[in-house]
Amino acid sequence: MLFVTASTSVVAQDNAAPAATEVQKAEPAAPAVVADAEEKAAVQAEGGKSLHSALKQKFIEGGPGFMSSILVALILGLALSIERVVYLNLATSNNKKLLVKIEDALNTGGIEAAKEVCRNERGPVASIFYQGLDRSHEGLDVVEKTVVAYGGVQAGLLEKGLSWIALFIALGPMLGFMGTVIGMIGAFDAIEVAGDISPTLVASGIKVALITTVFGLVVAMILQVFYNYCVSKIDGIVNSMEDASISLIDILVKYNSKK
């Protein structure tokens, strides 16, 4: 009987030992999870900085001279593009509302009232209408010629600066290709000095060449988007100017017929 009891207690102790061991092993799990979470957060933070550091490294590897010139072309092109975008958006107006206001002013206060409406409105269409109304006493033919002539002036103001944006679009890849040529020349010079074709020497020169080309093409693509937007915006404004000018002539015809 005592032997059975002792055996039972030994078996119970043997069963309890692995359980205690498992509990002891399970206790460090919480710190391990925290460590894993901290490690993941550190990796994510490092990944966030990796793009900036990679660009900085590639900029240095591409050569300060050509890479700086490509960066200057990008900055100047973006400055001109943003200025044009802001100007063109401010030049956009609701021509239908403006025509209604001018027609109401003509019916109530005559030409001077209509000119006052144009003074208080912004945009090239209001300026064109003002010039046409200012010479309405000389006849509709003169008004029509004035509107067409001043419309050309306003269209030229809308297109101001686009040639410079186009210049930087072409200049970015040109600088990149020039860096490519110079990088290849440097690679061949290194081969000539070493007297042997080493993959390391060739790879360094080709790497510099490709980096400048890539950055130049990226600059051109970014500025090309802004350029196409500006051209599209100008076409829309010019079309609305022509349509509104025809409507203004019709309003003046009606006004003169009522006099």
C-alpha atoms as a PDB file:
ATOM      1  CA  MET A   1       0.000   0.000   0.000  1.00  0.00           C
ATOM      2  CA  LEU A   2       2.799   2.373   0.855  1.00  0.00           C
ATOM      3  CA  PHE A   3       4.560   1.399  -2.382  1.00  0.00           C
ATOM      4  CA  VAL A   4       1.499   2.292  -4.425  1.00  0.00           C
ATOM      5  CA  THR A   5       1.172   5.637  -2.701  1.00  0.00           C
ATOM      6  CA  ALA A   6       4.821   6.433  -3.255  1.00  0.00           C
ATOM      7  CA  SER A   7       4.579   5.435  -6.877  1.00  0.00           C
ATOM      8  CA  THR A   8       1.564   7.621  -7.339  1.00  0.00           C
ATOM      9  CA  SER A   9       3.309  10.623  -5.808  1.00  0.00           C
ATOM     10  CA  VAL A  10       6.362  10.075  -8.015  1.00  0.00           C
ATOM     11  CA  VAL A  11       4.206   9.909 -11.135  1.00  0.00           C
ATOM     12  CA  ALA A  12       2.384  13.086 -10.097  1.00  0.00           C
ATOM     13  CA  GLN A  13       5.693  14.849  -9.561  1.00  0.00           C
ATOM     14  CA  ASP A  14       6.925  13.653 -12.955  1.00  0.00           C
ATOM     15  CA  ASN A  15       3.757  14.973 -14.645  1.00  0.00           C
ATOM     16  CA  ALA A  16       3.974  18.288 -12.804  1.00  0.00           C
ATOM     17  CA  ALA A  17       7.598  18.838 -13.805  1.00  0.00           C
ATOM     18  CA  PRO A  18       6.936  19.215 -17.562  1.00  0.00           C
ATOM     19  CA  ALA A  19       3.941  21.418 -16.823  1.00  0.00           C
ATOM     20  CA  ALA A  20       6.069  23.698 -14.685  1.00  0.00           C
ATOM     21  CA  THR A  21       8.710  23.736 -17.375  1.00  0.00           C
ATOM     22  CA  GLU A  22       6.123  24.697 -19.975  1.00  0.00           C
ATOM     23  CA  VAL A  23       4.888  27.517 -17.739  1.00  0.00           C
ATOM     24  CA  GLN A  24       8.453  28.727 -17.288  1.00  0.00           C
ATOM     25  CA  LYS A  25       8.987  28.614 -21.029  1.00  0.00           C
ATOM     26  CA  ALA A  26       5.737  30.453 -21.683  1.00  0.00           C
ATOM     27  CA  GLU A  27       6.562  33.306 -19.340  1.00  0.00           C
ATOM     28  CA  PRO A  28       9.198  34.994 -21.616  1.00  0.00           C
ATOM     29  CA  ALA A  29       6.664  35.053 -24.509  1.00  0.00           C
ATOM     30  CA  ALA A  30       5.359  38.500 -23.626  1.00  0.00           C
ATOM     31  CA  PRO A  31       8.796  40.205 -23.728  1.00  0.00           C
ATOM     32  CA  ALA A  32       9.529  38.369 -26.983  1.00  0.00           C
ATOM     33  CA  VAL A  33       6.358  39.723 -28.565  1.00  0.00           C
ATOM     34  CA  VAL A  34       7.269  43.243 -27.448  1.00  0.00           C
ATOM     35  CA  ALA A  35      10.745  42.836 -28.885  1.00  0.00           C
ATOM     36  CA  ASP A  36       9.324  41.641 -32.187  1.00  0.00           C
ATOM     37  CA  ALA A  37       6.939  44.604 -32.312  1.00  0.00           C
ATOM     38  CA  GLU A  38       9.789  47.029 -31.602  1.00  0.00           C
ATOM     39  CA  GLU A  39      11.899  45.385 -34.284  1.00  0.00           C
ATOM     40  CA  LYS A  40       9.067  45.684 -36.831  1.00  0.00           C
ATOM     41  CA  ALA A  41       8.567  49.336 -35.916  1.00  0.00           C
ATOM     42  CA  ALA A  42      12.289  49.970 -36.370  1.00  0.00           C
ATOM     43  CA  VAL A  43      12.208  48.257 -39.765  1.00  0.00           C
ATOM     44  CA  GLN A  44       9.216  50.355 -40.831  1.00  0.00           C
ATOM     45  CA  ALA A  45      10.914  53.562 -39.685  1.00  0.00           C
ATOM     46  CA  GLU A  46      14.041  52.564 -41.579  1.00  0.00           C
ATOM     47  CA  GLY A  47      11.925  51.802 -44.653  1.00  0.00           C
ATOM     48  CA  GLY A  48      10.365  55.269 -44.474  1.00  0.00           C
ATOM     49  CA  LYS A  49      13.800  56.863 -44.516  1.00  0.00           C
ATOM     50  CA  SER A  50      15.136  54.530 -47.189  1.00  0.00           C
ATOM     51  CA  LEU A  51      13.641  56.481 -50.131  1.00  0.00           C
ATOM     52  CA  HIS A  52      15.212  59.759 -49.048  1.00  0.00           C
ATOM     53  CA  SER A  53      18.548  58.163 -48.303  1.00  0.00           C
ATOM     54  CA  ALA A  54      18.482  56.241 -51.581  1.00  0.00           C
ATOM     55  CA  LEU A  55      17.768  59.387 -53.592  1.00  0.00           C
ATOM     56  CA  LYS A  56      20.507  61.227 -51.752  1.00  0.00           C
ATOM     57  CA  GLN A  57      22.963  58.419 -52.420  1.00  0.00           C
ATOM     58  CA  LYS A  58      22.074  58.243 -56.114  1.00  0.00           C
ATOM     59  CA  PHE A  59      22.355  62.025 -56.370  1.00  0.00           C
ATOM     60  CA  ILE A  60      25.886  61.874 -54.996  1.00  0.00           C
ATOM     61  CA  GLU A  61      26.826  58.906 -57.171  1.00  0.00           C
ATOM     62  CA  GLY A  62      25.562  60.696 -60.282  1.00  0.00           C
ATOM     63  CA  GLY A  63      28.018  63.510 -59.789  1.00  0.00           C
ATOM     64  CA  PRO A  64      27.324  66.848 -58.068  1.00  0.00           C
ATOM     65  CA  GLY A  65      27.836  68.904 -61.226  1.00  0.00           C
ATOM     66  CA  PHE A  66      25.308  67.407 -63.607  1.00  0.00           C
ATOM     67  CA  MET A  67      22.890  66.293 -60.906  1.00  0.00           C
ATOM     68  CA  SER A  68      22.796  69.834 -59.498  1.00  0.00           C
ATOM     69  CA  SER A  69      22.119  71.286 -62.938  1.00  0.00           C
ATOM     70  CA  ILE A  70      19.279  68.803 -63.486  1.00  0.00           C
ATOM     71  CA  LEU A  71      17.853  69.709 -60.064  1.00  0.00           C
ATOM     72  CA  VAL A  72      18.014  73.426 -60.911  1.00  0.00           C
ATOM     73  CA  ALA A  73      16.160  72.745 -64.163  1.00  0.00           C
ATOM     74  CA  LEU A  74      13.469  70.888 -62.214  1.00  0.00           C
ATOM     75  CA  ILE A  75      13.086  73.676 -59.627  1.00  0.00           C
ATOM     76  CA  LEU A  76      12.862  76.458 -62.211  1.00  0.00           C
ATOM     77  CA  GLY A  77      10.499  74.457 -64.403  1.00  0.00           C
ATOM     78  CA  LEU A  78       8.225  73.685 -61.458  1.00  0.00           C
ATOM     79  CA  ALA A  79       8.211  77.337 -60.366  1.00  0.00           C
ATOM     80  CA  LEU A  80       7.136  78.490 -63.834  1.00  0.00           C
ATOM     81  CA  SER A  81       4.589  75.688 -64.117  1.00  0.00           C
ATOM     82  CA  ILE A  82       2.961  76.458 -60.767  1.00  0.00           C
ATOM     83  CA  GLU A  83       2.820  80.166 -61.637  1.00  0.00           C
ATOM     84  CA  ARG A  84       1.073  79.370 -64.933  1.00  0.00           C
ATOM     85  CA  VAL A  85      -1.369  76.978 -63.274  1.00  0.00           C
ATOM     86  CA  VAL A  86      -2.354  79.607 -60.694  1.00  0.00           C
ATOM     87  CA  TYR A  87      -2.653  82.334 -63.340  1.00  0.00           C
ATOM     88  CA  LEU A  88      -4.778  80.213 -65.667  1.00  0.00           C
ATOM     89  CA  ASN A  89      -7.103  79.138 -62.876  1.00  0.00           C
ATOM     90  CA  LEU A  90      -7.591  82.769 -61.869  1.00  0.00           C
ATOM     91  CA  ALA A  91      -8.224  83.661 -65.519  1.00  0.00           C
ATOM     92  CA  THR A  92     -11.057  81.156 -65.746  1.00  0.00           C
ATOM     93  CA  SER A  93     -14.449  82.800 -65.289  1.00  0.00           C
ATOM     94  CA  ASN A  94     -18.129  82.051 -65.694  1.00  0.00           C
ATOM     95  CA  ASN A  95     -18.815  83.751 -69.024  1.00  0.00           C
ATOM     96  CA  LYS A  96     -22.552  82.997 -69.030  1.00  0.00           C
ATOM     97  CA  LYS A  97     -23.088  84.887 -65.779  1.00  0.00           C
ATOM     98  CA  LEU A  98     -20.954  87.745 -67.063  1.00  0.00           C
ATOM     99  CA  LEU A  99     -23.001  88.007 -70.262  1.00  0.00           C
ATOM    100  CA  VAL A 100     -26.239  88.033 -68.263  1.00  0.00           C
ATOM    101  CA  LYS A 101     -24.906  90.829 -66.048  1.00  0.00           C
ATOM    102  CA  ILE A 102     -23.806  92.869 -69.069  1.00  0.00           C
ATOM    103  CA  GLU A 103     -27.156  92.434 -70.797  1.00  0.00           C
ATOM    104  CA  ASP A 104     -29.032  93.501 -67.664  1.00  0.00           C
ATOM    105  CA  ALA A 105     -26.719  96.486 -67.228  1.00  0.00           C
ATOM    106  CA  LEU A 106     -27.250  97.533 -70.847  1.00  0.00           C
ATOM    107  CA  ASN A 107     -31.013  97.391 -70.448  1.00  0.00           C
ATOM    108  CA  THR A 108     -30.981  99.374 -67.198  1.00  0.00           C
ATOM    109  CA  GLY A 109     -28.017 101.744 -67.363  1.00  0.00           C
ATOM    110  CA  GLY A 110     -26.642 101.595 -70.899  1.00  0.00           C
ATOM    111  CA  ILE A 111     -23.038 101.245 -72.035  1.00  0.00           C
ATOM    112  CA  GLU A 112     -21.491 102.875 -68.967  1.00  0.00           C
ATOM    113  CA  ALA A 113     -23.251 100.463 -66.627  1.00  0.00           C
ATOM    114  CA  ALA A 114     -22.065  97.525 -68.708  1.00  0.00           C
ATOM    115  CA  LYS A 115     -18.496  98.855 -68.629  1.00  0.00           C
ATOM    116  CA  GLU A 116     -18.718  99.131 -64.853  1.00  0.00           C
ATOM    117  CA  VAL A 117     -19.705  95.473 -64.673  1.00  0.00           C
ATOM    118  CA  CYS A 118     -16.608  94.559 -66.704  1.00  0.00           C
ATOM    119  CA  ARG A 119     -14.384  96.632 -64.419  1.00  0.00           C
ATOM    120  CA  ASN A 120     -15.573  94.706 -61.393  1.00  0.00           C
ATOM    121  CA  GLU A 121     -14.947  91.276 -62.962  1.00  0.00           C
ATOM    122  CA  ARG A 122     -11.581  89.557 -63.216  1.00  0.00           C
ATOM    123  CA  GLY A 123     -10.258  87.574 -66.129  1.00  0.00           C
ATOM    124  CA  PRO A 124      -9.374  88.161 -69.788  1.00  0.00           C
ATOM    125  CA  VAL A 125     -12.980  87.897 -71.005  1.00  0.00           C
ATOM    126  CA  ALA A 126     -14.061  90.870 -68.892  1.00  0.00           C
ATOM    127  CA  SER A 127     -11.103  92.882 -70.245  1.00  0.00           C
ATOM    128  CA  ILE A 128     -12.041  92.020 -73.826  1.00  0.00           C
ATOM    129  CA  PHE A 129     -15.662  92.994 -73.216  1.00  0.00           C
ATOM    130  CA  TYR A 130     -14.595  96.304 -71.718  1.00  0.00           C
ATOM    131  CA  GLN A 131     -12.503  97.177 -74.763  1.00  0.00           C
ATOM    132  CA  GLY A 132     -15.373  96.294 -77.067  1.00  0.00           C
ATOM    133  CA  LEU A 133     -17.954  98.279 -75.074  1.00  0.00           C
ATOM    134  CA  ASP A 134     -15.587 101.243 -74.858  1.00  0.00           C
ATOM    135  CA  ARG A 135     -15.675 101.572 -78.664  1.00  0.00           C
ATOM    136  CA  SER A 136     -19.319 100.639 -79.156  1.00  0.00           C
ATOM    137  CA  HIS A 137     -20.141 104.200 -80.234  1.00  0.00           C
ATOM    138  CA  GLU A 138     -18.013 103.682 -83.365  1.00  0.00           C
ATOM    139  CA  GLY A 139     -20.193 100.870 -84.678  1.00  0.00           C
ATOM    140  CA  LEU A 140     -20.432  97.111 -84.453  1.00  0.00           C
ATOM    141  CA  ASP A 141     -17.695  96.557 -87.037  1.00  0.00           C
ATOM    142  CA  VAL A 142     -15.210  98.451 -84.907  1.00  0.00           C
ATOM    143  CA  VAL A 143     -16.383  96.574 -81.812  1.00  0.00           C
ATOM    144  CA  GLU A 144     -15.847  93.259 -83.555  1.00  0.00           C
ATOM    145  CA  LYS A 145     -12.339  94.195 -84.720  1.00  0.00           C
ATOM    146  CA  THR A 146     -11.464  95.485 -81.261  1.00  0.00           C
ATOM    147  CA  VAL A 147     -12.643  92.289 -79.613  1.00  0.00           C
ATOM    148  CA  VAL A 148     -10.642  90.134 -82.043  1.00  0.00           C
ATOM    149  CA  ALA A 149      -7.487  92.224 -81.666  1.00  0.00           C
ATOM    150  CA  TYR A 150      -7.620  92.413 -77.881  1.00  0.00           C
ATOM    151  CA  GLY A 151      -8.484  88.718 -77.732  1.00  0.00           C
ATOM    152  CA  GLY A 152      -5.175  87.980 -79.440  1.00  0.00           C
ATOM    153  CA  VAL A 153      -3.383  90.086 -76.822  1.00  0.00           C
ATOM    154  CA  GLN A 154      -5.050  88.185 -73.993  1.00  0.00           C
ATOM    155  CA  ALA A 155      -4.243  84.842 -75.631  1.00  0.00           C
ATOM    156  CA  GLY A 156      -0.577  85.886 -75.758  1.00  0.00           C
ATOM    157  CA  LEU A 157      -0.663  86.699 -72.040  1.00  0.00           C
ATOM    158  CA  LEU A 158      -2.128  83.275 -71.326  1.00  0.00           C
ATOM    159  CA  GLU A 159       0.699  81.568 -73.228  1.00  0.00           C
ATOM    160  CA  LYS A 160       3.377  83.619 -71.489  1.00  0.00           C
ATOM    161  CA  GLY A 161       6.053  81.436 -69.911  1.00  0.00           C
ATOM    162  CA  LEU A 162       5.179  78.228 -71.762  1.00  0.00           C
ATOM    163  CA  SER A 163       8.276  78.501 -73.932  1.00  0.00           C
ATOM    164  CA  TRP A 164      10.463  78.507 -70.819  1.00  0.00           C
ATOM    165  CA  ILE A 165       8.715  75.402 -69.480  1.00  0.00           C
ATOM    166  CA  ALA A 166       9.317  73.713 -72.842  1.00  0.00           C
ATOM    167  CA  LEU A 167      12.985  74.725 -72.580  1.00  0.00           C
ATOM    168  CA  PHE A 168      13.420  72.986 -69.229  1.00  0.00           C
ATOM    169  CA  ILE A 169      11.545  69.922 -70.534  1.00  0.00           C
ATOM    170  CA  ALA A 170      14.175  69.608 -73.267  1.00  0.00           C
ATOM    171  CA  LEU A 171      17.069  70.682 -71.049  1.00  0.00           C
ATOM    172  CA  GLY A 172      16.573  67.980 -68.393  1.00  0.00           C
ATOM    173  CA  PRO A 173      17.159  64.960 -70.686  1.00  0.00           C
ATOM    174  CA  MET A 174      19.933  66.832 -72.515  1.00  0.00           C
ATOM    175  CA  LEU A 175      21.847  67.336 -69.277  1.00  0.00           C
ATOM    176  CA  GLY A 176      21.200  63.707 -68.385  1.00  0.00           C
ATOM    177  CA  PHE A 177      22.510  62.468 -71.719  1.00  0.00           C
ATOM    178  CA  MET A 178      25.556  64.706 -71.409  1.00  0.00           C
ATOM    179  CA  GLY A 179      26.237  63.139 -68.020  1.00  0.00           C
ATOM    180  CA  THR A 180      25.837  59.754 -69.684  1.00  0.00           C
ATOM    181  CA  VAL A 181      28.447  60.553 -72.314  1.00  0.00           C
ATOM    182  CA  ILE A 182      30.863  61.941 -69.745  1.00  0.00           C
ATOM    183  CA  GLY A 183      30.351  58.886 -67.530  1.00  0.00           C
ATOM    184  CA  MET A 184      31.156  56.579 -70.444  1.00  0.00           C
ATOM    185  CA  ILE A 185      34.246  58.623 -71.257  1.00  0.00           C
ATOM    186  CA  GLY A 186      35.343  58.275 -67.632  1.00  0.00           C
ATOM    187  CA  ALA A 187      34.832  54.515 -67.807  1.00  0.00           C
ATOM    188  CA  PHE A 188      36.984  54.202 -70.931  1.00  0.00           C
ATOM    189  CA  ASP A 189      39.642  56.444 -69.388  1.00  0.00           C
ATOM    190  CA  ALA A 190      39.762  54.158 -66.347  1.00  0.00           C
ATOM    191  CA  ILE A 191      40.107  51.131 -68.619  1.00  0.00           C
ATOM    192  CA  GLU A 192      42.930  52.834 -70.497  1.00  0.00           C
ATOM    193  CA  VAL A 193      44.796  53.681 -67.304  1.00  0.00           C
ATOM    194  CA  ALA A 194      44.320  50.198 -65.838  1.00  0.00           C
ATOM    195  CA  GLY A 195      45.304  48.502 -69.099  1.00  0.00           C
ATOM    196  CA  ASP A 196      42.648  45.876 -68.593  1.00  0.00           C
ATOM    197  CA  ILE A 197      38.871  45.649 -68.821  1.00  0.00           C
ATOM    198  CA  SER A 198      37.776  45.292 -65.228  1.00  0.00           C
ATOM    199  CA  PRO A 199      34.027  44.884 -64.509  1.00  0.00           C
ATOM    200  CA  THR A 200      34.371  47.188 -61.516  1.00  0.00           C
ATOM    201  CA  LEU A 201      35.859  50.030 -63.555  1.00  0.00           C
ATOM    202  CA  VAL A 202      33.289  49.708 -66.324  1.00  0.00           C
ATOM    203  CA  ALA A 203      30.360  49.332 -63.935  1.00  0.00           C
ATOM    204  CA  SER A 204      31.166  52.517 -62.007  1.00  0.00           C
ATOM    205  CA  GLY A 205      31.246  54.674 -65.145  1.00  0.00           C
ATOM    206  CA  ILE A 206      28.124  53.132 -66.639  1.00  0.00           C
ATOM    207  CA  LYS A 207      26.315  53.534 -63.305  1.00  0.00           C
ATOM    208  CA  VAL A 208      27.023  57.255 -63.233  1.00  0.00           C
ATOM    209  CA  ALA A 209      25.876  57.544 -66.838  1.00  0.00           C
ATOM    210  CA  LEU A 210      22.583  55.772 -66.232  1.00  0.00           C
ATOM    211  CA  ILE A 211      21.809  57.717 -63.047  1.00  0.00           C
ATOM    212  CA  THR A 212      22.081  61.087 -64.799  1.00  0.00           C
ATOM    213  CA  THR A 213      19.927  59.819 -67.673  1.00  0.00           C
ATOM    214  CA  VAL A 214      17.207  58.573 -65.337  1.00  0.00           C
ATOM    215  CA  PHE A 215      17.041  61.832 -63.378  1.00  0.00           C
ATOM    216  CA  GLY A 216      16.937  63.880 -66.573  1.00  0.00           C
ATOM    217  CA  LEU A 217      14.052  61.823 -67.949  1.00  0.00           C
ATOM    218  CA  VAL A 218      12.158  62.088 -64.652  1.00  0.00           C
ATOM    219  CA  VAL A 219      12.475  65.885 -64.758  1.00  0.00           C
ATOM    220  CA  ALA A 220      11.170  65.946 -68.322  1.00  0.00           C
ATOM    221  CA  MET A 221       8.190  63.727 -67.470  1.00  0.00           C
ATOM    222  CA  ILE A 222       7.170  65.826 -64.462  1.00  0.00           C
ATOM    223  CA  LEU A 223       7.351  69.116 -66.359  1.00  0.00           C
ATOM    224  CA  GLN A 224       5.616  67.615 -69.398  1.00  0.00           C
ATOM    225  CA  VAL A 225       2.527  66.897 -67.295  1.00  0.00           C
ATOM    226  CA  PHE A 226       2.333  70.534 -66.176  1.00  0.00           C
ATOM    227  CA  TYR A 227       2.974  71.771 -69.723  1.00  0.00           C
ATOM    228  CA  ASN A 228       0.159  69.692 -71.222  1.00  0.00           C
ATOM    229  CA  TYR A 229      -2.200  70.826 -68.473  1.00  0.00           C
ATOM    230  CA  CYS A 230      -1.395  74.483 -69.188  1.00  0.00           C
ATOM    231  CA  VAL A 231      -1.859  74.032 -72.941  1.00  0.00           C
ATOM    232  CA  SER A 232      -5.200  72.317 -72.410  1.00  0.00           C
ATOM    233  CA  LYS A 233      -6.312  75.043 -70.010  1.00  0.00           C
ATOM    234  CA  ILE A 234      -5.320  77.789 -72.461  1.00  0.00           C
ATOM    235  CA  ASP A 235      -7.226  76.122 -75.301  1.00  0.00           C
ATOM    236  CA  GLY A 236     -10.328  75.964 -73.136  1.00  0.00           C
ATOM    237  CA  ILE A 237     -10.068  79.617 -72.099  1.00  0.00           C
ATOM    238  CA  VAL A 238      -9.475  80.792 -75.683  1.00  0.00           C
ATOM    239  CA  ASN A 239     -12.463  78.822 -76.960  1.00  0.00           C
ATOM    240  CA  SER A 240     -14.672  80.298 -74.249  1.00  0.00           C
ATOM    241  CA  MET A 241     -13.357  83.787 -75.092  1.00  0.00           C
ATOM    242  CA  GLU A 242     -14.306  83.389 -78.750  1.00  0.00           C
ATOM    243  CA  ASP A 243     -17.742  82.039 -77.889  1.00  0.00           C
ATOM    244  CA  ALA A 244     -18.381  84.831 -75.382  1.00  0.00           C
ATOM    245  CA  SER A 245     -17.211  87.497 -77.870  1.00  0.00           C
ATOM    246  CA  ILE A 246     -19.793  86.311 -80.404  1.00  0.00           C
ATOM    247  CA  SER A 247     -22.465  86.453 -77.709  1.00  0.00           C
ATOM    248  CA  LEU A 248     -21.401  90.016 -76.811  1.00  0.00           C
ATOM    249  CA  ILE A 249     -21.842  91.142 -80.432  1.00  0.00           C
ATOM    250  CA  ASP A 250     -25.325  89.615 -80.459  1.00  0.00           C
ATOM    251  CA  ILE A 251     -26.211  91.449 -77.235  1.00  0.00           C
ATOM    252  CA  LEU A 252     -25.000  94.766 -78.698  1.00  0.00           C
ATOM    253  CA  VAL A 253     -27.048  94.155 -81.848  1.00  0.00           C
ATOM    254  CA  LYS A 254     -30.172  93.677 -79.740  1.00  0.00           C
ATOM    255  CA  TYR A 255     -29.332  96.737 -77.671  1.00  0.00           C
ATOM    256  CA  ASN A 256     -28.845  98.947 -80.731  1.00  0.00           C
ATOM    257  CA  SER A 257     -32.095  97.715 -82.256  1.00  0.00           C
ATOM    258  CA  LYS A 258     -34.010  98.818 -79.158  1.00  0.00           C
ATOM    259  CA  LYS A 259     -32.575 102.344 -79.241  1.00  0.00           C
END
